[in-house]
Amino acid sequence: MSGAADERDRIRAAMDRILTGQPERSNGALTIVALALEAGVPATPSPSATSI
Protein backbone atom coordinates (compact mmCIF):
# COMPACT_ATOMS: atom_id res chain seq x y z
CA MET A 1 0.00 0.00 0.00
CA SER A 2 1.34 3.41 -0.86
CA GLY A 3 1.92 6.09 1.77
CA ALA A 4 -0.91 8.23 0.39
CA ALA A 5 -3.37 5.32 0.37
CA ASP A 6 -2.40 4.41 3.94
CA GLU A 7 -2.90 8.03 5.02
CA ARG A 8 -6.34 8.14 3.35
CA ASP A 9 -7.33 4.92 5.14
CA ARG A 10 -6.22 6.37 8.49
CA ILE A 11 -8.18 9.58 7.84
CA ARG A 12 -11.33 7.65 6.92
CA ALA A 13 -11.04 5.47 10.02
CA ALA A 14 -10.53 8.59 12.14
CA MET A 15 -13.63 10.21 10.59
CA ASP A 16 -15.65 7.12 11.45
CA ARG A 17 -14.45 7.18 15.07
CA ILE A 18 -15.17 10.90 15.46
CA LEU A 19 -18.60 10.70 13.83
CA THR A 20 -19.64 7.73 15.99
CA GLY A 21 -18.47 9.49 19.15
CA GLN A 22 -15.59 7.10 19.82
CA PRO A 23 -12.39 9.13 19.37
CA GLU A 24 -9.19 7.45 20.56
CA ARG A 25 -6.56 10.20 20.19
CA SER A 26 -8.43 13.51 20.01
CA ASN A 27 -11.21 15.38 21.77
CA GLY A 28 -13.65 14.32 19.05
CA ALA A 29 -14.33 17.85 17.80
CA LEU A 30 -15.41 18.21 14.19
CA THR A 31 -12.30 20.13 13.15
CA ILE A 32 -9.38 19.51 10.81
CA VAL A 33 -6.99 19.61 13.76
CA ALA A 34 -8.92 16.95 15.71
CA LEU A 35 -9.22 14.80 12.58
CA ALA A 36 -5.48 15.03 11.95
CA LEU A 37 -4.71 14.15 15.58
CA GLU A 38 -7.16 11.25 15.47
CA ALA A 39 -5.66 9.93 12.22
CA GLY A 40 -2.07 10.52 13.28
CA VAL A 41 -1.30 12.67 10.25
CA PRO A 42 -0.02 16.26 9.91
CA ALA A 43 -2.72 18.93 10.06
CA THR A 44 -1.10 20.77 7.15
CA PRO A 45 -1.10 19.21 3.69
CA SER A 46 2.16 18.35 2.01
CA PRO A 47 3.08 20.56 -0.95
CA SER A 48 2.46 17.66 -3.33
CA ALA A 49 -1.00 16.81 -1.94
CA THR A 50 -3.75 17.37 -4.49
CA SER A 51 -6.76 15.61 -2.94
CA ILE A 52 -7.84 13.24 -0.20
PDB file of N, CA and C in Angstrom:
ATOM      1  N   MET A   1       0.853  -1.177   0.000  1.00  0.00           N
ATOM      2  CA  MET A   1       0.000   0.000   0.000  1.00  0.00           C
ATOM      3  C   MET A   1       0.896   1.237   0.000  1.00  0.00           C
ATOM      4  N   SER A   2       0.546   2.201  -0.789  1.00  0.00           N
ATOM      5  CA  SER A   2       1.344   3.414  -0.861  1.00  0.00           C
ATOM      6  C   SER A   2       1.122   4.272   0.385  1.00  0.00           C
ATOM      7  N   GLY A   3       2.038   5.194   0.619  1.00  0.00           N
ATOM      8  CA  GLY A   3       1.916   6.087   1.769  1.00  0.00           C
ATOM      9  C   GLY A   3       0.648   6.914   1.724  1.00  0.00           C
ATOM     10  N   ALA A   4       0.295   7.408   0.524  1.00  0.00           N
ATOM     11  CA  ALA A   4      -0.910   8.231   0.385  1.00  0.00           C
ATOM     12  C   ALA A   4      -2.167   7.407   0.654  1.00  0.00           C
ATOM     13  N   ALA A   5      -2.196   6.176   0.153  1.00  0.00           N
ATOM     14  CA  ALA A   5      -3.366   5.324   0.368  1.00  0.00           C
ATOM     15  C   ALA A   5      -3.505   4.979   1.853  1.00  0.00           C
ATOM     16  N   ASP A   6      -2.380   4.714   2.512  1.00  0.00           N
ATOM     17  CA  ASP A   6      -2.404   4.414   3.941  1.00  0.00           C
ATOM     18  C   ASP A   6      -2.914   5.620   4.726  1.00  0.00           C
ATOM     19  N   GLU A   7      -2.461   6.811   4.345  1.00  0.00           N
ATOM     20  CA  GLU A   7      -2.903   8.025   5.020  1.00  0.00           C
ATOM     21  C   GLU A   7      -4.405   8.236   4.821  1.00  0.00           C
ATOM     22  N   ARG A   8      -4.890   8.014   3.611  1.00  0.00           N
ATOM     23  CA  ARG A   8      -6.339   8.141   3.354  1.00  0.00           C
ATOM     24  C   ARG A   8      -7.126   7.156   4.204  1.00  0.00           C
ATOM     25  N   ASP A   9      -6.645   5.926   4.312  1.00  0.00           N
ATOM     26  CA  ASP A   9      -7.331   4.923   5.141  1.00  0.00           C
ATOM     27  C   ASP A   9      -7.368   5.354   6.603  1.00  0.00           C
ATOM     28  N   ARG A  10      -6.258   5.910   7.100  1.00  0.00           N
ATOM     29  CA  ARG A  10      -6.217   6.367   8.493  1.00  0.00           C
ATOM     30  C   ARG A  10      -7.165   7.544   8.714  1.00  0.00           C
ATOM     31  N   ILE A  11      -7.267   8.436   7.726  1.00  0.00           N
ATOM     32  CA  ILE A  11      -8.177   9.577   7.840  1.00  0.00           C
ATOM     33  C   ILE A  11      -9.623   9.101   7.832  1.00  0.00           C
ATOM     34  N   ARG A  12      -9.949   8.176   6.957  1.00  0.00           N
ATOM     35  CA  ARG A  12     -11.331   7.649   6.918  1.00  0.00           C
ATOM     36  C   ARG A  12     -11.695   6.942   8.214  1.00  0.00           C
ATOM     37  N   ALA A  13     -10.772   6.160   8.750  1.00  0.00           N
ATOM     38  CA  ALA A  13     -11.037   5.467  10.016  1.00  0.00           C
ATOM     39  C   ALA A  13     -11.216   6.483  11.147  1.00  0.00           C
ATOM     40  N   ALA A  14     -10.407   7.543  11.131  1.00  0.00           N
ATOM     41  CA  ALA A  14     -10.531   8.591  12.142  1.00  0.00           C
ATOM     42  C   ALA A  14     -11.870   9.302  12.019  1.00  0.00           C
ATOM     43  N   MET A  15     -12.319   9.579  10.793  1.00  0.00           N
ATOM     44  CA  MET A  15     -13.631  10.212  10.587  1.00  0.00           C
ATOM     45  C   MET A  15     -14.729   9.338  11.163  1.00  0.00           C
ATOM     46  N   ASP A  16     -14.647   8.033  10.912  1.00  0.00           N
ATOM     47  CA  ASP A  16     -15.649   7.116  11.448  1.00  0.00           C
ATOM     48  C   ASP A  16     -15.686   7.168  12.976  1.00  0.00           C
ATOM     49  N   ARG A  17     -14.493   7.139  13.601  1.00  0.00           N
ATOM     50  CA  ARG A  17     -14.451   7.176  15.070  1.00  0.00           C
ATOM     51  C   ARG A  17     -15.027   8.482  15.608  1.00  0.00           C
ATOM     52  N   ILE A  18     -14.668   9.605  14.989  1.00  0.00           N
ATOM     53  CA  ILE A  18     -15.170  10.899  15.460  1.00  0.00           C
ATOM     54  C   ILE A  18     -16.680  10.987  15.272  1.00  0.00           C
ATOM     55  N   LEU A  19     -17.162  10.578  14.112  1.00  0.00           N
ATOM     56  CA  LEU A  19     -18.599  10.700  13.831  1.00  0.00           C
ATOM     57  C   LEU A  19     -19.460   9.742  14.655  1.00  0.00           C
ATOM     58  N   THR A  20     -18.877   8.654  15.143  1.00  0.00           N
ATOM     59  CA  THR A  20     -19.636   7.733  15.991  1.00  0.00           C
ATOM     60  C   THR A  20     -19.416   8.010  17.474  1.00  0.00           C
ATOM     61  N   GLY A  21     -18.675   9.105  17.759  1.00  0.00           N
ATOM     62  CA  GLY A  21     -18.471   9.488  19.154  1.00  0.00           C
ATOM     63  C   GLY A  21     -17.503   8.609  19.903  1.00  0.00           C
ATOM     64  N   GLN A  22     -16.550   7.986  19.175  1.00  0.00           N
ATOM     65  CA  GLN A  22     -15.587   7.098  19.819  1.00  0.00           C
ATOM     66  C   GLN A  22     -14.142   7.473  19.478  1.00  0.00           C
ATOM     67  N   PRO A  23     -13.769   8.742  19.679  1.00  0.00           N
ATOM     68  CA  PRO A  23     -12.391   9.132  19.370  1.00  0.00           C
ATOM     69  C   PRO A  23     -11.403   8.432  20.304  1.00  0.00           C
ATOM     70  N   GLU A  24     -10.224   8.121  19.771  1.00  0.00           N
ATOM     71  CA  GLU A  24      -9.192   7.454  20.558  1.00  0.00           C
ATOM     72  C   GLU A  24      -8.020   8.376  20.873  1.00  0.00           C
ATOM     73  N   ARG A  25      -7.751   9.368  20.023  1.00  0.00           N
ATOM     74  CA  ARG A  25      -6.560  10.203  20.194  1.00  0.00           C
ATOM     75  C   ARG A  25      -6.854  11.692  20.234  1.00  0.00           C
ATOM     76  N   SER A  26      -8.089  12.083  20.051  1.00  0.00           N
ATOM     77  CA  SER A  26      -8.430  13.511  20.012  1.00  0.00           C
ATOM     78  C   SER A  26      -9.615  13.771  20.933  1.00  0.00           C
ATOM     79  N   ASN A  27     -10.045  15.043  20.955  1.00  0.00           N
ATOM     80  CA  ASN A  27     -11.210  15.383  21.774  1.00  0.00           C
ATOM     81  C   ASN A  27     -12.521  15.118  21.042  1.00  0.00           C
ATOM     82  N   GLY A  28     -12.448  14.666  19.796  1.00  0.00           N
ATOM     83  CA  GLY A  28     -13.650  14.324  19.047  1.00  0.00           C
ATOM     84  C   GLY A  28     -14.342  15.494  18.388  1.00  0.00           C
ATOM     85  N   ALA A  29     -13.734  16.676  18.435  1.00  0.00           N
ATOM     86  CA  ALA A  29     -14.327  17.855  17.796  1.00  0.00           C
ATOM     87  C   ALA A  29     -14.346  17.666  16.278  1.00  0.00           C
ATOM     88  N   LEU A  30     -15.312  18.297  15.641  1.00  0.00           N
ATOM     89  CA  LEU A  30     -15.413  18.214  14.187  1.00  0.00           C
ATOM     90  C   LEU A  30     -14.566  19.313  13.551  1.00  0.00           C
ATOM     91  N   THR A  31     -13.245  19.160  13.706  1.00  0.00           N
ATOM     92  CA  THR A  31     -12.301  20.128  13.152  1.00  0.00           C
ATOM     93  C   THR A  31     -11.197  19.384  12.414  1.00  0.00           C
ATOM     94  N   ILE A  32     -10.502  20.097  11.530  1.00  0.00           N
ATOM     95  CA  ILE A  32      -9.377  19.510  10.808  1.00  0.00           C
ATOM     96  C   ILE A  32      -8.282  19.089  11.778  1.00  0.00           C
ATOM     97  N   VAL A  33      -8.042  19.914  12.792  1.00  0.00           N
ATOM     98  CA  VAL A  33      -6.988  19.607  13.765  1.00  0.00           C
ATOM     99  C   VAL A  33      -7.311  18.319  14.512  1.00  0.00           C
ATOM    100  N   ALA A  34      -8.540  18.169  14.992  1.00  0.00           N
ATOM    101  CA  ALA A  34      -8.925  16.948  15.706  1.00  0.00           C
ATOM    102  C   ALA A  34      -8.860  15.740  14.781  1.00  0.00           C
ATOM    103  N   LEU A  35      -9.281  15.909  13.533  1.00  0.00           N
ATOM    104  CA  LEU A  35      -9.221  14.803  12.576  1.00  0.00           C
ATOM    105  C   LEU A  35      -7.777  14.380  12.340  1.00  0.00           C
ATOM    106  N   ALA A  36      -6.894  15.346  12.167  1.00  0.00           N
ATOM    107  CA  ALA A  36      -5.481  15.029  11.948  1.00  0.00           C
ATOM    108  C   ALA A  36      -4.892  14.314  13.160  1.00  0.00           C
ATOM    109  N   LEU A  37      -5.193  14.819  14.367  1.00  0.00           N
ATOM    110  CA  LEU A  37      -4.715  14.151  15.582  1.00  0.00           C
ATOM    111  C   LEU A  37      -5.245  12.727  15.661  1.00  0.00           C
ATOM    112  N   GLU A  38      -6.522  12.567  15.390  1.00  0.00           N
ATOM    113  CA  GLU A  38      -7.160  11.252  15.467  1.00  0.00           C
ATOM    114  C   GLU A  38      -6.547  10.282  14.460  1.00  0.00           C
ATOM    115  N   ALA A  39      -6.215  10.785  13.278  1.00  0.00           N
ATOM    116  CA  ALA A  39      -5.660   9.934  12.221  1.00  0.00           C
ATOM    117  C   ALA A  39      -4.151   9.751  12.350  1.00  0.00           C
ATOM    118  N   GLY A  40      -3.519  10.608  13.155  1.00  0.00           N
ATOM    119  CA  GLY A  40      -2.067  10.518  13.282  1.00  0.00           C
ATOM    120  C   GLY A  40      -1.344  11.032  12.053  1.00  0.00           C
ATOM    121  N   VAL A  41      -1.907  12.064  11.430  1.00  0.00           N
ATOM    122  CA  VAL A  41      -1.296  12.667  10.248  1.00  0.00           C
ATOM    123  C   VAL A  41      -1.091  14.160  10.507  1.00  0.00           C
ATOM    124  N   PRO A  42      -0.214  14.812   9.734  1.00  0.00           N
ATOM    125  CA  PRO A  42      -0.019  16.259   9.909  1.00  0.00           C
ATOM    126  C   PRO A  42      -1.294  17.032   9.588  1.00  0.00           C
ATOM    127  N   ALA A  43      -1.523  18.116  10.302  1.00  0.00           N
ATOM    128  CA  ALA A  43      -2.716  18.934  10.056  1.00  0.00           C
ATOM    129  C   ALA A  43      -2.562  19.801   8.825  1.00  0.00           C
ATOM    130  N   THR A  44      -1.335  19.975   8.354  1.00  0.00           N
ATOM    131  CA  THR A  44      -1.098  20.768   7.148  1.00  0.00           C
ATOM    132  C   THR A  44      -0.795  19.824   5.991  1.00  0.00           C
ATOM    133  N   PRO A  45      -1.349  20.093   4.826  1.00  0.00           N
ATOM    134  CA  PRO A  45      -1.099  19.207   3.686  1.00  0.00           C
ATOM    135  C   PRO A  45       0.329  19.338   3.188  1.00  0.00           C
ATOM    136  N   SER A  46       0.826  18.276   2.614  1.00  0.00           N
ATOM    137  CA  SER A  46       2.162  18.348   2.011  1.00  0.00           C
ATOM    138  C   SER A  46       2.058  19.148   0.724  1.00  0.00           C
ATOM    139  N   PRO A  47       3.145  19.753   0.280  1.00  0.00           N
ATOM    140  CA  PRO A  47       3.085  20.564  -0.950  1.00  0.00           C
ATOM    141  C   PRO A  47       2.638  19.775  -2.179  1.00  0.00           C
ATOM    142  N   SER A  48       2.841  18.460  -2.166  1.00  0.00           N
ATOM    143  CA  SER A  48       2.459  17.664  -3.329  1.00  0.00           C
ATOM    144  C   SER A  48       1.042  17.096  -3.227  1.00  0.00           C
ATOM    145  N   ALA A  49       0.352  17.346  -2.114  1.00  0.00           N
ATOM    146  CA  ALA A  49      -0.997  16.811  -1.942  1.00  0.00           C
ATOM    147  C   ALA A  49      -1.961  17.541  -2.885  1.00  0.00           C
ATOM    148  N   THR A  50      -2.777  16.772  -3.584  1.00  0.00           N
ATOM    149  CA  THR A  50      -3.747  17.366  -4.490  1.00  0.00           C
ATOM    150  C   THR A  50      -5.177  17.076  -4.055  1.00  0.00           C
ATOM    151  N   SER A  51      -5.407  15.940  -3.406  1.00  0.00           N
ATOM    152  CA  SER A  51      -6.758  15.613  -2.936  1.00  0.00           C
ATOM    153  C   SER A  51      -6.680  14.490  -1.922  1.00  0.00           C
ATOM    154  N   ILE A  52      -7.762  14.340  -1.180  1.00  0.00           N
ATOM    155  CA  ILE A  52      -7.838  13.242  -0.203  1.00  0.00           C
ATOM    156  C   ILE A  52      -8.626  12.123  -0.813  1.00  0.00           C
TER     157      ILE A  52
END
